[in-house]
Every structure is written in C-alpha cells, then in structure tokens.
Amino acid sequence: MSNLINRIRSIDAFRAVTMFLMIFVNDLDGVPNTPEWLKHAAISEDALGLADTIFPAFLFIVGLSIPYAFAKRLHNQEAHVPYRIITRSLALIFIGFFHANSETYNESATILPKPVWDSLATFSFFFIFLDYNKTTSKIRRYMFQGFGWALLIAMCIIYRSTDPAHPWLHLTWWGILGLIGWSYLVCGLIYYYSNGYLWIQAAAWLFFMFFNIDFHFGMLDFLSGIQKYMWIAGNGAMQAFTMAGVFVSVLYMRLNKNKEIKMLWGAMIMMAIILFNLGFIVRYFSGGISKARDTPSWVLICTGISLVVYAIFIYIVDFRHKYHWFKIIEPAGTSTFTAYLLPYLFYPLYQMTDLGYPQYLDQGTGGLIRCLLFSFVIVWLTGLLQKINVRLKI
C-alpha cells in the first residue's frame, strides 16, 4: 500500500506544480515588458511558450489519476464508477459552459456589472460543489446547495450576451473545465470498460493522436459543421493528452507489479524522443506548433514534455522520497478545483474596488514578482480553506 501512496504522491506533486504554474501564467497574461516565452504564443505564430505547455500537462495528469482513482473505488467495492465518471464530467462541462459565457456577458444590457455577475456565479459554484463532510446535517447541506442553485438560476435569468444572434446563454466553446470534462468522460469510460488492459489504452492514445493529425491534414473536413457539438469535443487533442497519462499509469502499475520498474525510465524517454521527432516532422505540414489551433505538433511535443517532466517527478518523489520539497504548494495538488476557482473570485472583487497595482508591480520584473506572489497567495488561501473544511469536490 505504501508504493501506491508514493505513486499518488508523485502525481499530487506534479499536479501541484502544474496548478501553481497555471495560476501564474494566467495572471501574467497581459502584463507588459515580461518575457514572451512565459506566455501563450499568438494564434498566428509557429511557437511554444511555457503557458502553452501547462494545460496539456494538466490533461496528462487527469489521465495519470484515472487508474489509481478507479482502483481505489473498486477496492472499496463501489459499483457506480460509470455514474461517477458521467456526473463529474457533466459538472466540469456545466461550469465550463458558464465560464465561456462570461466572456460574452453584455454589461450594458443587464442590471449587474460584469464583475458582480462573475463573482456571484462563482459563489454559487462554491455552495453547490462544496465537499460537505459526513458530520454536516442533510438539512444544512440542502440549504446551502439550494441557495447556490437559486443564486445561479438568478444569474441565468439576468444574463444577456453581446452576440446579437444568441442574446442569452449559448454554446461558444466548452471552456477550460468543459474541455477537461469531455476528455475525462471519454477516457474514463474507455479505461473502465476496457478493464485497464494496457494495449487498449495504447490503442486509444494512438487513435486520438492520429485523429488530431487527420483533422489538421483536412481528412475530417466533412465533420466541421458539427465539430463543436461532437462527443469528442474537438479534434482529439485533449483526449490524446489524457490517454497518454492513462497509458503511463497503467504501464507504471504493471512494471511495478512485475518488479521491472527500471524499464519505465527507458520506456518513457523512448516515447518522449519519438514524440519530439514526430512533432517536428509534422510541424511543417500541419500548421506549425500552436496551442490556439490544437495542432499535431503542439500535441506531440507537449506530450513528450509531460512524459519527461513526470519521469523526473517519479524519481524525486517515488524513489528519492522528496515530497516535502513541494509542501509549500501542496494544496494546489490536493484541492486543485478550489485553487482553480479562487482567482475567479479574486479578479471580479478586485475590479469592483477600482484599485490598481503600483506601477513597479504592473510591468516588467515587478510584474513577474507580483504574479509569483499572487500564485503563492492563492495556494495559501486554498490551504487555509482546506483546514477549515472548505474544499470543492466534483
């Protein structure tokens, strides 16, 4: 059992660092006179910034977590794993839908300023998805969740869009959480109904990678009219990242069981080298490296990066037992959903104050320092909330 805990620790550490960096790069976006390599590359660029690698890493981690989470549930003899997959996915898609609609909120046509609407919608998610412990009475839980739903319904009634063709809530894109939800749904069901067979996880990973390549080569143009409504939610890129994580975890479990864990290093490095080479080969035929366009080169290269980085985490945490190195940002790995949503409360509340950062902290080196401090503060608040049993769970 200790090996299982250590392996989960390596995923927690990887998730904590990834979530911390996600908060950092999101806050850094738009800060002038800061290094461009830290930010997202423009949609027209053939380039890769640090920010472009964070979301792929997070999807990879979602995949890494699936086999261990399901093993725990099956060990506890929980028979409703498919139901759990579907409900978690729908919750993520649901929140992502609102986040996407927030981008087209029409402040002039509604009674609430955008920051107020954003903060109230986020507050509703906290009440709805709070991880209520077993000591919480059902009446209290239902009251809090009922308040959350009532608040969210009120925000739905108030909402108006800047899109003349769609004046109310509508599908623009799935949002970050929605993309994670779709990917988790598809990959979770594949893993569960395939009984975790390694070759099936490998086949599914290859399928999504080649689906993405075929899409960018124009072979799937006939699907363009229904693409955003499809069960695959896009062009296979998100599922490719997640299935890569599933495959690595299953491989790790199998090699550990057979006491051949040393083979894992060679396998992960070899896969990374192959993906890097393929990524740079197709780069010249499928739109370059671009996160904004989900190009195959971006998918292949970022998967290779995630493989190398996770191999390092396995060594540091699972073999060298240095998990304490990551204690300072541990809440970002154990209460990740809370850490992700907290900035959605901070930014609207900050905008309502009409305050501004000092000039030094609003650009350049000062801006970098501010963004790092902000990320630590968000993680610290996440840990503080966790200590008083305020933790979101879906």
Protein backbone atom coordinates (compact mmCIF):
# COMPACT_ATOMS: atom_id res chain seq x y z
CA MET A 1 0.00 0.00 0.00
CA SER A 2 2.94 2.36 0.65
CA ASN A 3 4.01 2.09 -3.00
CA LEU A 4 0.52 3.13 -4.08
CA ILE A 5 0.62 6.13 -1.73
CA ASN A 6 4.05 7.16 -3.02
CA ARG A 7 2.91 6.95 -6.59
CA ILE A 8 -0.13 9.05 -5.84
CA ARG A 9 2.24 11.49 -4.11
CA SER A 10 4.22 11.90 -7.33
CA ILE A 11 1.01 12.74 -9.17
CA ASP A 12 0.00 15.16 -6.40
CA ALA A 13 3.38 16.90 -6.63
CA PHE A 14 3.18 17.12 -10.42
CA ARG A 15 -0.40 18.41 -10.16
CA ALA A 16 0.56 20.99 -7.52
CA VAL A 17 3.37 22.43 -9.64
CA THR A 18 1.18 22.44 -12.76
CA MET A 19 -1.71 24.18 -10.97
CA PHE A 20 0.66 26.73 -9.45
CA LEU A 21 2.09 27.49 -12.89
CA MET A 22 -1.42 27.69 -14.38
CA ILE A 23 -2.35 30.39 -11.85
CA PHE A 24 0.97 32.15 -12.56
CA VAL A 25 0.73 32.23 -16.37
CA ASN A 26 -2.94 33.23 -16.27
CA ASP A 27 -2.10 36.18 -14.01
CA LEU A 28 0.93 37.06 -16.15
CA ASP A 29 -1.16 37.25 -19.32
CA GLY A 30 -1.29 40.87 -20.42
CA VAL A 31 1.47 42.10 -18.09
CA PRO A 32 3.74 44.23 -20.32
CA ASN A 33 7.53 44.02 -20.54
CA THR A 34 7.70 40.42 -19.35
CA PRO A 35 9.40 37.54 -21.22
CA GLU A 36 7.31 36.35 -24.14
CA TRP A 37 8.50 32.75 -23.69
CA LEU A 38 6.48 32.59 -20.46
CA LYS A 39 3.22 33.44 -22.23
CA HIS A 40 0.94 31.89 -24.82
CA ALA A 41 2.15 32.15 -28.39
CA ALA A 42 -0.16 34.16 -30.65
CA ILE A 43 -2.68 32.24 -32.77
CA SER A 44 -0.77 33.03 -35.96
CA GLU A 45 2.66 32.09 -34.56
CA ASP A 46 4.54 28.84 -35.01
CA ALA A 47 5.87 28.85 -31.45
CA LEU A 48 5.59 27.34 -28.00
CA GLY A 49 5.59 29.32 -24.73
CA LEU A 50 5.61 27.98 -21.20
CA ALA A 51 1.90 28.79 -20.87
CA ASP A 52 1.19 26.58 -23.90
CA THR A 53 2.53 23.51 -22.06
CA ILE A 54 0.52 23.88 -18.84
CA PHE A 55 -2.93 22.77 -20.00
CA PRO A 56 -1.52 19.69 -21.80
CA ALA A 57 0.32 18.76 -18.61
CA PHE A 58 -2.89 19.12 -16.60
CA LEU A 59 -4.81 16.85 -19.00
CA PHE A 60 -1.93 14.37 -18.83
CA ILE A 61 -2.27 14.41 -15.03
CA VAL A 62 -6.04 13.81 -15.32
CA GLY A 63 -5.13 10.65 -17.23
CA LEU A 64 -2.47 9.66 -14.69
CA SER A 65 -5.05 9.87 -11.90
CA ILE A 66 -7.76 7.77 -13.56
CA PRO A 67 -6.34 4.24 -12.94
CA TYR A 68 -5.50 4.97 -9.30
CA ALA A 69 -8.83 6.66 -8.56
CA PHE A 70 -10.77 3.79 -10.13
CA ALA A 71 -8.63 1.19 -8.34
CA LYS A 72 -9.44 2.85 -5.02
CA ARG A 73 -13.17 2.90 -5.77
CA LEU A 74 -13.19 -0.73 -6.90
CA HIS A 75 -11.16 -1.70 -3.82
CA ASN A 76 -13.88 -0.06 -1.72
CA GLN A 77 -16.40 -2.11 -3.73
CA GLU A 78 -18.10 0.91 -5.24
CA ALA A 79 -20.26 -0.33 -8.11
CA HIS A 80 -21.23 3.05 -9.52
CA VAL A 81 -17.95 4.07 -11.18
CA PRO A 82 -19.55 4.82 -14.61
CA TYR A 83 -22.15 7.00 -12.89
CA ARG A 84 -19.34 8.82 -11.08
CA ILE A 85 -17.48 9.37 -14.37
CA ILE A 86 -20.57 10.85 -16.02
CA THR A 87 -21.58 13.11 -13.12
CA ARG A 88 -18.04 14.50 -12.64
CA SER A 89 -17.72 15.14 -16.36
CA LEU A 90 -21.10 16.89 -16.58
CA ALA A 91 -20.21 19.08 -13.58
CA LEU A 92 -16.99 20.22 -15.27
CA ILE A 93 -18.76 20.80 -18.59
CA PHE A 94 -21.51 22.70 -16.77
CA ILE A 95 -19.08 25.11 -15.04
CA GLY A 96 -17.01 25.47 -18.22
CA PHE A 97 -20.18 26.47 -20.09
CA PHE A 98 -20.76 29.37 -17.66
CA HIS A 99 -17.11 30.46 -17.78
CA ALA A 100 -17.28 30.56 -21.58
CA ASN A 101 -20.48 32.62 -21.49
CA SER A 102 -18.90 35.03 -19.04
CA GLU A 103 -16.60 36.12 -21.87
CA THR A 104 -19.61 37.45 -23.84
CA TYR A 105 -21.51 38.98 -20.92
CA ASN A 106 -23.27 42.20 -22.03
CA GLU A 107 -22.88 44.61 -19.15
CA SER A 108 -24.86 47.42 -20.83
CA ALA A 109 -27.94 45.22 -21.33
CA THR A 110 -28.16 43.86 -17.79
CA ILE A 111 -28.74 45.16 -14.29
CA LEU A 112 -25.43 43.90 -12.88
CA PRO A 113 -21.87 44.93 -13.80
CA LYS A 114 -19.80 42.08 -15.18
CA PRO A 115 -17.53 41.74 -12.09
CA VAL A 116 -20.61 41.38 -9.86
CA TRP A 117 -22.16 38.75 -12.14
CA ASP A 118 -18.88 36.81 -12.36
CA SER A 119 -18.34 36.80 -8.59
CA LEU A 120 -21.93 35.78 -7.80
CA ALA A 121 -21.83 32.96 -10.35
CA THR A 122 -18.57 31.71 -8.82
CA PHE A 123 -20.02 31.94 -5.30
CA SER A 124 -22.90 29.76 -6.46
CA PHE A 125 -20.42 27.08 -7.58
CA PHE A 126 -18.81 27.14 -4.12
CA PHE A 127 -22.15 26.45 -2.43
CA ILE A 128 -23.16 23.78 -4.94
CA PHE A 129 -19.88 21.85 -5.11
CA LEU A 130 -18.60 22.26 -1.56
CA ASP A 131 -17.26 18.98 -0.17
CA TYR A 132 -19.70 18.62 2.70
CA ASN A 133 -18.32 16.27 5.35
CA LYS A 134 -20.24 13.44 6.96
CA THR A 135 -20.97 15.48 10.10
CA THR A 136 -22.90 18.10 8.11
CA SER A 137 -26.63 17.60 8.55
CA LYS A 138 -28.66 16.92 5.41
CA ILE A 139 -30.85 19.93 6.10
CA ARG A 140 -27.85 22.27 6.27
CA ARG A 141 -26.33 20.76 3.15
CA TYR A 142 -29.57 21.05 1.19
CA MET A 143 -30.00 24.64 2.36
CA PHE A 144 -26.50 25.63 1.19
CA GLN A 145 -26.79 23.80 -2.11
CA GLY A 146 -30.31 25.13 -2.63
CA PHE A 147 -29.02 28.67 -2.07
CA GLY A 148 -26.26 28.02 -4.60
CA TRP A 149 -28.71 26.77 -7.22
CA ALA A 150 -31.11 29.67 -6.57
CA LEU A 151 -28.24 32.15 -6.96
CA LEU A 152 -27.08 30.51 -10.19
CA ILE A 153 -30.62 30.47 -11.61
CA ALA A 154 -30.89 34.19 -10.83
CA MET A 155 -27.63 34.78 -12.72
CA CYS A 156 -29.04 32.81 -15.67
CA ILE A 157 -32.18 34.96 -15.73
CA ILE A 158 -30.15 38.15 -15.61
CA TYR A 159 -27.61 37.11 -18.25
CA ARG A 160 -27.52 38.79 -21.67
CA SER A 161 -24.95 38.18 -24.40
CA THR A 162 -23.05 40.57 -26.66
CA ASP A 163 -23.79 38.19 -29.57
CA PRO A 164 -26.90 39.51 -31.41
CA ALA A 165 -27.61 36.04 -32.79
CA HIS A 166 -27.55 34.48 -29.31
CA PRO A 167 -28.80 37.01 -26.76
CA TRP A 168 -28.89 34.51 -23.88
CA LEU A 169 -26.68 31.69 -22.58
CA HIS A 170 -25.35 29.68 -25.51
CA LEU A 171 -22.51 27.42 -26.58
CA THR A 172 -19.47 29.45 -27.65
CA TRP A 173 -16.81 26.96 -26.65
CA TRP A 174 -16.59 24.50 -23.80
CA GLY A 175 -14.23 26.49 -21.59
CA ILE A 176 -11.12 25.01 -19.95
CA LEU A 177 -13.11 23.00 -17.41
CA GLY A 178 -15.50 21.84 -20.11
CA LEU A 179 -12.65 20.51 -22.23
CA ILE A 180 -11.31 18.67 -19.19
CA GLY A 181 -14.79 17.28 -18.54
CA TRP A 182 -15.22 15.92 -22.06
CA SER A 183 -11.76 14.40 -22.01
CA TYR A 184 -12.33 12.80 -18.61
CA LEU A 185 -15.68 11.38 -19.77
CA VAL A 186 -14.30 9.75 -22.90
CA CYS A 187 -11.03 8.49 -21.45
CA GLY A 188 -12.54 7.41 -18.13
CA LEU A 189 -15.15 5.28 -19.89
CA ILE A 190 -12.53 3.79 -22.22
CA TYR A 191 -10.36 2.79 -19.27
CA TYR A 192 -13.25 1.41 -17.22
CA TYR A 193 -14.90 -0.67 -19.93
CA SER A 194 -11.56 -1.96 -21.25
CA ASN A 195 -10.75 -3.30 -17.76
CA GLY A 196 -7.50 -1.34 -17.85
CA TYR A 197 -5.80 -3.53 -20.49
CA LEU A 198 -2.54 -1.84 -21.44
CA TRP A 199 -2.82 -2.46 -25.18
CA ILE A 200 -6.30 -0.89 -25.30
CA GLN A 201 -5.03 2.26 -23.55
CA ALA A 202 -2.18 2.41 -26.08
CA ALA A 203 -4.58 1.91 -29.00
CA ALA A 204 -6.91 4.65 -27.72
CA TRP A 205 -3.96 7.04 -27.28
CA LEU A 206 -2.78 6.35 -30.82
CA PHE A 207 -6.33 6.75 -32.15
CA PHE A 208 -6.72 10.24 -30.69
CA MET A 209 -3.26 11.32 -31.82
CA PHE A 210 -3.96 10.23 -35.38
CA PHE A 211 -7.48 11.67 -35.24
CA ASN A 212 -5.88 15.02 -34.44
CA ILE A 213 -3.33 14.63 -37.25
CA ASP A 214 -6.02 13.63 -39.77
CA PHE A 215 -8.15 16.59 -38.73
CA HIS A 216 -5.34 19.06 -39.43
CA PHE A 217 -4.49 17.40 -42.72
CA GLY A 218 -8.07 18.10 -43.84
CA MET A 219 -9.22 14.49 -43.91
CA LEU A 220 -12.05 15.21 -41.49
CA ASP A 221 -13.37 18.42 -43.03
CA PHE A 222 -16.77 16.80 -43.51
CA LEU A 223 -17.20 16.97 -39.71
CA SER A 224 -16.61 20.72 -39.49
CA GLY A 225 -20.32 21.58 -39.25
CA ILE A 226 -20.86 19.50 -36.15
CA GLN A 227 -17.36 19.61 -34.65
CA LYS A 228 -18.14 21.70 -31.57
CA TYR A 229 -21.20 19.60 -30.77
CA MET A 230 -19.43 16.24 -31.10
CA TRP A 231 -18.91 13.83 -28.23
CA ILE A 232 -15.19 14.07 -28.83
CA ALA A 233 -15.40 17.83 -28.17
CA GLY A 234 -12.92 19.00 -30.75
CA ASN A 235 -10.20 17.34 -32.74
CA GLY A 236 -8.86 14.66 -30.40
CA ALA A 237 -6.07 16.77 -28.89
CA MET A 238 -7.45 16.84 -25.34
CA GLN A 239 -8.21 13.13 -25.30
CA ALA A 240 -4.72 12.37 -26.67
CA PHE A 241 -3.11 14.10 -23.69
CA THR A 242 -5.37 12.33 -21.21
CA MET A 243 -4.98 8.86 -22.74
CA ALA A 244 -1.21 9.33 -22.67
CA GLY A 245 -1.48 9.80 -18.90
CA VAL A 246 -3.74 6.75 -18.55
CA PHE A 247 -1.28 4.64 -20.53
CA VAL A 248 1.71 5.75 -18.43
CA SER A 249 -0.08 4.97 -15.15
CA VAL A 250 -1.14 1.51 -16.33
CA LEU A 251 2.40 0.84 -17.55
CA TYR A 252 3.79 2.02 -14.20
CA MET A 253 1.41 -0.26 -12.27
CA ARG A 254 2.23 -3.27 -14.42
CA LEU A 255 6.01 -2.82 -14.29
CA ASN A 256 5.91 -2.27 -10.55
CA LYS A 257 3.85 -5.41 -10.06
CA ASN A 258 6.35 -7.43 -12.11
CA LYS A 259 9.30 -5.80 -10.30
CA GLU A 260 10.57 -4.39 -13.59
CA ILE A 261 10.17 -0.73 -12.66
CA LYS A 262 13.58 0.20 -14.08
CA MET A 263 12.17 -0.43 -17.56
CA LEU A 264 9.82 2.53 -17.00
CA TRP A 265 12.62 5.08 -17.44
CA GLY A 266 13.67 3.69 -20.80
CA ALA A 267 10.06 3.41 -21.98
CA MET A 268 9.15 7.00 -21.04
CA ILE A 269 12.32 8.52 -22.51
CA MET A 270 11.93 6.49 -25.70
CA MET A 271 8.29 7.58 -26.08
CA ALA A 272 9.29 11.20 -25.48
CA ILE A 273 12.05 11.06 -28.12
CA ILE A 274 9.65 9.53 -30.66
CA LEU A 275 7.00 12.18 -29.94
CA PHE A 276 9.51 15.05 -30.17
CA ASN A 277 10.70 13.79 -33.56
CA LEU A 278 7.19 13.25 -34.88
CA GLY A 279 6.17 16.67 -33.61
CA PHE A 280 8.91 18.45 -35.50
CA ILE A 281 8.29 16.36 -38.64
CA VAL A 282 4.56 17.15 -38.90
CA ARG A 283 5.20 20.74 -37.85
CA TYR A 284 5.86 21.74 -41.44
CA PHE A 285 2.74 20.05 -42.84
CA SER A 286 0.00 20.77 -40.32
CA GLY A 287 0.09 24.40 -39.23
CA GLY A 288 3.22 24.55 -37.09
CA ILE A 289 3.24 24.48 -33.27
CA SER A 290 0.13 26.21 -31.98
CA LYS A 291 -1.93 25.70 -28.82
CA ALA A 292 -4.58 28.10 -30.12
CA ARG A 293 -5.19 25.79 -33.10
CA ASP A 294 -4.56 22.44 -31.35
CA THR A 295 -2.03 21.46 -33.99
CA PRO A 296 -0.50 17.95 -34.03
CA SER A 297 2.99 19.34 -33.35
CA TRP A 298 1.70 21.00 -30.19
CA VAL A 299 0.03 17.76 -29.11
CA LEU A 300 3.05 15.56 -29.79
CA ILE A 301 5.72 17.89 -28.37
CA CYS A 302 3.75 18.78 -25.22
CA THR A 303 3.00 15.10 -24.56
CA GLY A 304 6.74 14.44 -24.83
CA ILE A 305 7.42 17.27 -22.38
CA SER A 306 4.87 15.85 -19.91
CA LEU A 307 6.48 12.41 -20.15
CA VAL A 308 9.94 13.78 -19.35
CA VAL A 309 8.69 16.02 -16.53
CA TYR A 310 6.66 13.25 -14.91
CA ALA A 311 9.63 10.88 -15.13
CA ILE A 312 11.54 13.45 -13.07
CA PHE A 313 8.71 13.65 -10.53
CA ILE A 314 8.63 9.86 -10.23
CA TYR A 315 12.35 9.88 -9.46
CA ILE A 316 12.20 12.77 -6.97
CA VAL A 317 9.02 11.77 -5.13
CA ASP A 318 8.61 8.00 -5.52
CA PHE A 319 12.25 6.91 -5.48
CA ARG A 320 14.02 9.66 -3.55
CA HIS A 321 11.03 10.36 -1.28
CA LYS A 322 11.38 14.15 -1.52
CA TYR A 323 7.71 15.01 -1.49
CA HIS A 324 8.40 17.56 1.25
CA TRP A 325 10.06 19.74 -1.39
CA PHE A 326 6.56 20.52 -2.68
CA LYS A 327 4.84 21.03 0.68
CA ILE A 328 4.69 24.81 0.22
CA ILE A 329 2.32 24.40 -2.73
CA GLU A 330 0.74 21.09 -1.68
CA PRO A 331 -2.85 22.47 -1.52
CA ALA A 332 -2.69 23.14 -5.28
CA GLY A 333 -2.29 19.39 -5.77
CA THR A 334 -4.79 18.17 -3.20
CA SER A 335 -7.51 20.85 -3.52
CA THR A 336 -6.93 21.65 -7.17
CA PHE A 337 -10.51 22.57 -8.05
CA THR A 338 -10.62 25.10 -5.22
CA ALA A 339 -7.29 26.61 -6.30
CA TYR A 340 -8.56 26.89 -9.86
CA LEU A 341 -11.78 28.71 -8.92
CA LEU A 342 -10.38 31.13 -6.32
CA PRO A 343 -8.96 33.54 -8.94
CA TYR A 344 -12.45 33.70 -10.45
CA LEU A 345 -13.48 35.25 -7.15
CA PHE A 346 -10.43 37.48 -6.72
CA TYR A 347 -10.41 39.15 -10.14
CA PRO A 348 -14.06 40.35 -10.09
CA LEU A 349 -13.76 41.54 -6.48
CA TYR A 350 -10.52 43.37 -7.35
CA GLN A 351 -12.18 45.01 -10.37
CA MET A 352 -15.01 46.29 -8.18
CA THR A 353 -12.57 48.19 -5.98
CA ASP A 354 -11.13 50.32 -8.81
CA LEU A 355 -7.74 49.89 -7.18
CA GLY A 356 -4.56 49.45 -9.18
CA TYR A 357 -1.19 47.91 -8.54
CA PRO A 358 1.79 50.21 -8.03
CA GLN A 359 3.48 50.89 -11.36
CA TYR A 360 6.51 48.77 -10.46
CA LEU A 361 4.29 45.73 -9.85
CA ASP A 362 2.27 46.26 -13.00
CA GLN A 363 5.02 45.52 -15.56
CA GLY A 364 8.45 44.01 -16.10
CA THR A 365 10.32 42.36 -13.23
CA GLY A 366 7.90 43.81 -10.68
CA GLY A 367 5.02 42.28 -12.62
CA LEU A 368 6.72 38.88 -12.57
CA ILE A 369 7.25 39.13 -8.82
CA ARG A 370 3.62 40.15 -8.31
CA CYS A 371 2.34 37.19 -10.35
CA LEU A 372 4.50 34.75 -8.39
CA LEU A 373 3.32 36.21 -5.09
CA PHE A 374 -0.29 36.09 -6.29
CA SER A 375 0.09 32.39 -7.13
CA PHE A 376 1.51 31.65 -3.68
CA VAL A 377 -1.31 33.64 -2.03
CA ILE A 378 -3.97 31.69 -3.95
CA VAL A 379 -2.36 28.39 -2.95
CA TRP A 380 -2.04 29.58 0.66
CA LEU A 381 -5.73 30.57 0.73
CA THR A 382 -6.60 27.16 -0.73
CA GLY A 383 -4.71 25.50 2.11
CA LEU A 384 -6.34 27.77 4.67
CA LEU A 385 -9.81 26.95 3.37
CA GLN A 386 -8.91 23.27 3.36
CA LYS A 387 -8.01 23.46 7.07
CA ILE A 388 -11.48 24.79 7.88
CA ASN A 389 -13.10 22.12 5.69
CA VAL A 390 -13.93 24.43 2.79
CA ARG A 391 -12.92 22.36 -0.21
CA LEU A 392 -14.68 21.94 -3.53
CA LYS A 393 -15.32 18.49 -4.89
CA ILE A 394 -16.99 17.18 -8.01
